[in-house]
Amino acid sequence: MAYVNITARLEQLTCPDCANMIASVVGRLKGVEQAEVRYATSKLLVRFDESLITWEAIDKTLAKLGYLVRSKVQQEG
């Protein structure tokens, strides 16, 4: 398994409940091991197995929920 850790800054994150909803939806995607959204900083921290899901699929899910990624940083491992 090749795990990837990404920290992404989200646009249009307006409330703590929205942050919890995003974390819940992304966390249920097949291949996502961990998803956490920090409302105060508008950051999504996600760890996923890139053999099961791509960042592009996660990004599309975020867009369907109405959130855009402003920037992201990727770390292997």
Protein backbone atom coordinates (compact mmCIF):
# COMPACT_ATOMS: atom_id res chain seq x y z
CA MET A 1 0.00 0.00 0.00
CA ALA A 2 1.18 3.46 -0.86
CA TYR A 3 -0.34 5.97 1.50
CA VAL A 4 -0.42 9.65 0.72
CA ASN A 5 -1.00 12.46 3.20
CA ILE A 6 -2.41 15.71 1.85
CA THR A 7 -3.17 18.93 3.63
CA ALA A 8 -5.49 21.12 1.58
CA ARG A 9 -6.84 24.60 2.25
CA LEU A 10 -10.55 24.79 1.42
CA GLU A 11 -12.51 27.76 0.12
CA GLN A 12 -16.00 28.65 1.33
CA LEU A 13 -15.85 26.78 4.62
CA THR A 14 -18.36 28.78 6.64
CA CYS A 15 -19.22 26.77 9.75
CA PRO A 16 -18.01 23.98 12.07
CA ASP A 17 -20.92 21.74 11.04
CA CYS A 18 -19.80 22.04 7.41
CA ALA A 19 -16.30 20.97 8.44
CA ASN A 20 -17.71 17.91 10.23
CA MET A 21 -19.83 17.00 7.21
CA ILE A 22 -16.84 17.20 4.84
CA ALA A 23 -14.72 15.03 7.15
CA SER A 24 -17.53 12.48 7.37
CA VAL A 25 -18.15 12.29 3.62
CA VAL A 26 -14.47 12.16 2.64
CA GLY A 27 -13.72 9.71 5.45
CA ARG A 28 -16.27 7.25 4.04
CA LEU A 29 -14.69 7.15 0.58
CA LYS A 30 -13.12 3.78 -0.22
CA GLY A 31 -9.38 4.02 0.28
CA VAL A 32 -9.46 6.98 2.67
CA GLU A 33 -7.92 5.99 5.99
CA GLN A 34 -8.34 9.31 7.79
CA ALA A 35 -10.02 12.65 7.07
CA GLU A 36 -10.06 15.63 9.39
CA VAL A 37 -11.20 19.19 8.73
CA ARG A 38 -10.05 22.06 10.91
CA TYR A 39 -12.61 24.81 10.71
CA ALA A 40 -10.41 27.52 12.26
CA THR A 41 -7.78 27.15 9.52
CA SER A 42 -10.04 25.82 6.71
CA LYS A 43 -7.71 22.86 6.28
CA LEU A 44 -8.52 19.30 5.26
CA LEU A 45 -6.03 16.67 6.36
CA VAL A 46 -6.53 13.41 4.51
CA ARG A 47 -4.60 10.12 4.42
CA PHE A 48 -5.47 7.69 1.66
CA ASP A 49 -4.25 4.63 -0.20
CA GLU A 50 -3.49 5.81 -3.71
CA SER A 51 -3.93 2.29 -5.08
CA LEU A 52 -7.64 2.56 -4.12
CA ILE A 53 -8.46 6.25 -4.65
CA THR A 54 -6.83 9.27 -6.27
CA TRP A 55 -6.56 12.82 -5.05
CA GLU A 56 -8.55 13.83 -8.12
CA ALA A 57 -11.49 11.68 -6.94
CA ILE A 58 -11.35 13.27 -3.49
CA ASP A 59 -11.15 16.72 -5.07
CA LYS A 60 -14.22 15.96 -7.23
CA THR A 61 -16.12 14.88 -4.12
CA LEU A 62 -15.23 18.18 -2.45
CA ALA A 63 -16.40 20.10 -5.53
CA LYS A 64 -19.72 18.21 -5.52
CA LEU A 65 -20.16 19.32 -1.91
CA GLY A 66 -19.51 22.92 -2.98
CA TYR A 67 -15.95 23.34 -1.72
CA LEU A 68 -12.88 24.18 -3.76
CA VAL A 69 -9.28 23.49 -2.88
CA ARG A 70 -7.24 26.69 -2.78
CA SER A 71 -3.89 24.97 -2.21
CA LYS A 72 -2.50 21.58 -1.18
CA VAL A 73 0.69 20.02 0.14
CA GLN A 74 1.43 16.32 -0.34
CA GLN A 75 3.62 14.06 1.77
CA GLU A 76 4.35 10.40 1.04
CA GLY A 77 3.95 7.89 3.80
